[in-house]
Amino acid sequence: MIKLRLKRFGKKFEASYRIVAMNNDTRRDGRPLEELGFYNPRTDEVKLNAEAITKRLQDGAQPTDTVRRILEKANLLEQKVRA
């Protein structure tokens, strides 16, 4: 199964993340199938490739919880209805 998840990079204590599509059994910093965006938690900077992300989601890729929240903030996922 393909997952949309974060791949860590950057210096120690100054982490940044790339949003990538990977197989679910690949290690966190392994080779991704495709890089889809960038997330910097220190400055809340987010850059996303919307076309590639929607294509991966339509093909059945499952985002992790953190990536799901990032995509919801960017309105790339349907907002969850809270009842």
N, C-alpha and C. Protein backbone atom coordinates (compact mmCIF):
# COMPACT_ATOMS: atom_id res chain seq x y z
N MET A 1 0.84 -1.17 0.00
CA MET A 1 0.00 0.00 0.00
C MET A 1 0.89 1.25 0.00
N ILE A 2 0.46 2.26 -0.72
CA ILE A 2 1.22 3.51 -0.80
C ILE A 2 0.69 4.48 0.25
N LYS A 3 1.63 5.09 0.97
CA LYS A 3 1.29 6.06 2.01
C LYS A 3 1.87 7.42 1.63
N LEU A 4 1.15 8.47 1.99
CA LEU A 4 1.67 9.82 1.92
C LEU A 4 2.16 10.15 3.32
N ARG A 5 3.46 10.39 3.46
CA ARG A 5 4.01 10.60 4.79
C ARG A 5 5.16 11.58 4.75
N LEU A 6 5.71 11.88 5.93
CA LEU A 6 6.78 12.86 6.05
C LEU A 6 8.13 12.17 6.01
N LYS A 7 9.08 12.81 5.35
CA LYS A 7 10.46 12.35 5.31
C LYS A 7 11.31 13.45 5.91
N ARG A 8 12.03 13.14 6.98
CA ARG A 8 12.77 14.14 7.74
C ARG A 8 14.09 14.47 7.04
N PHE A 9 14.43 15.76 7.06
CA PHE A 9 15.76 16.19 6.64
C PHE A 9 16.10 17.48 7.35
N GLY A 10 17.34 17.90 7.27
CA GLY A 10 17.78 19.11 7.97
C GLY A 10 18.72 18.77 9.11
N LYS A 11 19.19 19.82 9.79
CA LYS A 11 20.12 19.63 10.88
C LYS A 11 19.43 19.14 12.14
N LYS A 12 20.23 18.69 13.08
CA LYS A 12 19.72 18.26 14.37
C LYS A 12 19.04 19.44 15.06
N PHE A 13 17.87 19.23 15.60
CA PHE A 13 17.05 20.25 16.27
C PHE A 13 16.52 21.31 15.32
N GLU A 14 16.72 21.17 14.04
CA GLU A 14 16.18 22.10 13.04
C GLU A 14 15.58 21.29 11.89
N ALA A 15 14.70 20.40 12.24
CA ALA A 15 14.14 19.47 11.26
C ALA A 15 13.16 20.17 10.32
N SER A 16 13.18 19.74 9.09
CA SER A 16 12.17 20.07 8.10
C SER A 16 11.73 18.74 7.49
N TYR A 17 10.63 18.77 6.79
CA TYR A 17 10.09 17.53 6.26
C TYR A 17 9.67 17.70 4.82
N ARG A 18 9.81 16.63 4.06
CA ARG A 18 9.26 16.55 2.72
C ARG A 18 8.05 15.64 2.78
N ILE A 19 7.00 16.00 2.08
CA ILE A 19 5.83 15.14 1.98
C ILE A 19 6.06 14.26 0.76
N VAL A 20 6.08 12.95 0.98
CA VAL A 20 6.44 12.01 -0.07
C VAL A 20 5.43 10.87 -0.15
N ALA A 21 5.41 10.21 -1.29
CA ALA A 21 4.64 8.98 -1.48
C ALA A 21 5.63 7.82 -1.39
N MET A 22 5.36 6.90 -0.47
CA MET A 22 6.25 5.75 -0.26
C MET A 22 5.43 4.50 -0.02
N ASN A 23 6.04 3.35 -0.23
CA ASN A 23 5.42 2.10 0.18
C ASN A 23 5.40 2.07 1.70
N ASN A 24 4.39 1.44 2.29
CA ASN A 24 4.27 1.49 3.74
C ASN A 24 5.33 0.68 4.47
N ASP A 25 6.05 -0.20 3.79
CA ASP A 25 7.09 -0.97 4.47
C ASP A 25 8.49 -0.39 4.27
N THR A 26 8.59 0.78 3.64
CA THR A 26 9.87 1.45 3.44
C THR A 26 10.22 2.25 4.68
N ARG A 27 11.51 2.31 5.03
CA ARG A 27 11.91 3.07 6.22
C ARG A 27 11.65 4.56 6.02
N ARG A 28 11.61 5.31 7.10
CA ARG A 28 11.19 6.71 7.07
C ARG A 28 12.00 7.56 6.10
N ASP A 29 13.31 7.42 6.10
CA ASP A 29 14.15 8.23 5.24
C ASP A 29 14.62 7.49 4.01
N GLY A 30 13.89 6.46 3.61
CA GLY A 30 14.25 5.69 2.42
C GLY A 30 13.90 6.44 1.15
N ARG A 31 14.11 5.78 0.04
CA ARG A 31 13.84 6.39 -1.26
C ARG A 31 12.34 6.47 -1.52
N PRO A 32 11.83 7.67 -1.79
CA PRO A 32 10.39 7.81 -2.04
C PRO A 32 10.03 7.48 -3.49
N LEU A 33 8.77 7.19 -3.72
CA LEU A 33 8.28 7.01 -5.07
C LEU A 33 8.18 8.37 -5.76
N GLU A 34 7.76 9.39 -4.98
CA GLU A 34 7.59 10.73 -5.53
C GLU A 34 7.58 11.74 -4.38
N GLU A 35 8.22 12.90 -4.59
CA GLU A 35 8.17 13.97 -3.61
C GLU A 35 7.03 14.90 -3.98
N LEU A 36 6.16 15.18 -3.00
CA LEU A 36 4.92 15.90 -3.28
C LEU A 36 4.86 17.27 -2.64
N GLY A 37 5.76 17.57 -1.73
CA GLY A 37 5.69 18.87 -1.09
C GLY A 37 6.73 19.01 0.00
N PHE A 38 6.58 20.10 0.76
CA PHE A 38 7.55 20.48 1.78
C PHE A 38 6.80 21.04 2.98
N TYR A 39 7.28 20.74 4.20
CA TYR A 39 6.67 21.26 5.42
C TYR A 39 7.76 21.62 6.41
N ASN A 40 7.73 22.87 6.89
CA ASN A 40 8.67 23.34 7.91
C ASN A 40 7.88 23.66 9.16
N PRO A 41 7.96 22.83 10.21
CA PRO A 41 7.14 23.06 11.40
C PRO A 41 7.58 24.28 12.21
N ARG A 42 8.82 24.73 12.05
CA ARG A 42 9.29 25.89 12.83
C ARG A 42 8.69 27.18 12.33
N THR A 43 8.44 27.29 11.03
CA THR A 43 7.85 28.51 10.46
C THR A 43 6.45 28.26 9.90
N ASP A 44 5.96 27.04 9.99
CA ASP A 44 4.67 26.63 9.42
C ASP A 44 4.59 26.90 7.92
N GLU A 45 5.72 26.83 7.25
CA GLU A 45 5.78 26.99 5.79
C GLU A 45 5.39 25.67 5.13
N VAL A 46 4.48 25.75 4.17
CA VAL A 46 4.01 24.56 3.46
C VAL A 46 3.99 24.85 1.98
N LYS A 47 4.61 23.98 1.19
CA LYS A 47 4.54 24.06 -0.26
C LYS A 47 4.09 22.69 -0.75
N LEU A 48 3.03 22.68 -1.54
CA LEU A 48 2.46 21.41 -2.00
C LEU A 48 2.29 21.40 -3.51
N ASN A 49 2.49 20.22 -4.09
CA ASN A 49 2.20 20.00 -5.50
C ASN A 49 0.79 19.41 -5.56
N ALA A 50 -0.21 20.28 -5.69
CA ALA A 50 -1.61 19.88 -5.56
C ALA A 50 -2.01 18.83 -6.59
N GLU A 51 -1.56 18.98 -7.83
CA GLU A 51 -1.94 18.02 -8.87
C GLU A 51 -1.44 16.62 -8.55
N ALA A 52 -0.19 16.52 -8.14
CA ALA A 52 0.40 15.21 -7.85
C ALA A 52 -0.26 14.58 -6.62
N ILE A 53 -0.58 15.40 -5.62
CA ILE A 53 -1.22 14.87 -4.41
C ILE A 53 -2.60 14.34 -4.71
N THR A 54 -3.40 15.09 -5.46
CA THR A 54 -4.75 14.61 -5.78
C THR A 54 -4.70 13.35 -6.64
N LYS A 55 -3.73 13.27 -7.54
CA LYS A 55 -3.57 12.06 -8.36
C LYS A 55 -3.26 10.85 -7.48
N ARG A 56 -2.34 11.02 -6.53
CA ARG A 56 -1.99 9.92 -5.63
C ARG A 56 -3.17 9.51 -4.76
N LEU A 57 -3.94 10.49 -4.27
CA LEU A 57 -5.10 10.18 -3.44
C LEU A 57 -6.16 9.44 -4.24
N GLN A 58 -6.36 9.83 -5.51
CA GLN A 58 -7.33 9.14 -6.36
C GLN A 58 -6.89 7.72 -6.67
N ASP A 59 -5.57 7.49 -6.70
CA ASP A 59 -5.05 6.14 -6.95
C ASP A 59 -5.12 5.26 -5.71
N GLY A 60 -5.53 5.83 -4.56
CA GLY A 60 -5.72 5.01 -3.37
C GLY A 60 -4.65 5.18 -2.30
N ALA A 61 -3.79 6.16 -2.41
CA ALA A 61 -2.77 6.38 -1.38
C ALA A 61 -3.43 6.87 -0.10
N GLN A 62 -2.91 6.42 1.04
CA GLN A 62 -3.46 6.78 2.34
C GLN A 62 -2.51 7.74 3.06
N PRO A 63 -2.96 8.94 3.43
CA PRO A 63 -2.08 9.85 4.17
C PRO A 63 -2.00 9.46 5.64
N THR A 64 -0.85 9.74 6.26
CA THR A 64 -0.72 9.55 7.70
C THR A 64 -1.50 10.67 8.38
N ASP A 65 -1.65 10.58 9.70
CA ASP A 65 -2.45 11.57 10.43
C ASP A 65 -1.90 12.98 10.28
N THR A 66 -0.58 13.14 10.39
CA THR A 66 0.02 14.46 10.28
C THR A 66 -0.14 15.03 8.88
N VAL A 67 0.09 14.21 7.87
CA VAL A 67 -0.06 14.67 6.49
C VAL A 67 -1.53 14.98 6.21
N ARG A 68 -2.44 14.20 6.78
CA ARG A 68 -3.87 14.47 6.60
C ARG A 68 -4.22 15.86 7.13
N ARG A 69 -3.69 16.24 8.31
CA ARG A 69 -3.97 17.56 8.87
C ARG A 69 -3.39 18.66 7.99
N ILE A 70 -2.19 18.45 7.44
CA ILE A 70 -1.58 19.45 6.55
C ILE A 70 -2.43 19.62 5.29
N LEU A 71 -2.90 18.52 4.72
CA LEU A 71 -3.71 18.58 3.51
C LEU A 71 -5.07 19.21 3.78
N GLU A 72 -5.64 18.96 4.96
CA GLU A 72 -6.93 19.57 5.29
C GLU A 72 -6.79 21.09 5.44
N LYS A 73 -5.68 21.54 6.02
CA LYS A 73 -5.46 22.98 6.15
C LYS A 73 -5.32 23.63 4.78
N ALA A 74 -4.75 22.91 3.82
CA ALA A 74 -4.56 23.43 2.47
C ALA A 74 -5.78 23.17 1.58
N ASN A 75 -6.85 22.61 2.14
CA ASN A 75 -8.09 22.31 1.42
C ASN A 75 -7.88 21.35 0.25
N LEU A 76 -6.96 20.42 0.40
CA LEU A 76 -6.77 19.39 -0.62
C LEU A 76 -7.55 18.13 -0.28
N LEU A 77 -7.97 18.01 0.95
CA LEU A 77 -8.84 16.92 1.38
C LEU A 77 -10.17 17.53 1.78
N GLU A 78 -11.22 16.75 1.69
CA GLU A 78 -12.49 17.23 2.17
C GLU A 78 -12.39 17.35 3.68
N GLN A 79 -12.87 18.47 4.22
CA GLN A 79 -12.84 18.67 5.65
C GLN A 79 -13.70 17.61 6.33
N LYS A 80 -13.22 17.10 7.43
CA LYS A 80 -13.99 16.10 8.16
C LYS A 80 -15.20 16.77 8.80
N VAL A 81 -16.33 16.09 8.70
CA VAL A 81 -17.56 16.61 9.30
C VAL A 81 -17.61 16.11 10.73
N ARG A 82 -17.65 17.05 11.67
CA ARG A 82 -17.70 16.68 13.08
C ARG A 82 -19.13 16.72 13.56
N ALA A 83 -19.58 15.59 14.05
CA ALA A 83 -20.98 15.51 14.50
C ALA A 83 -21.06 15.46 16.00
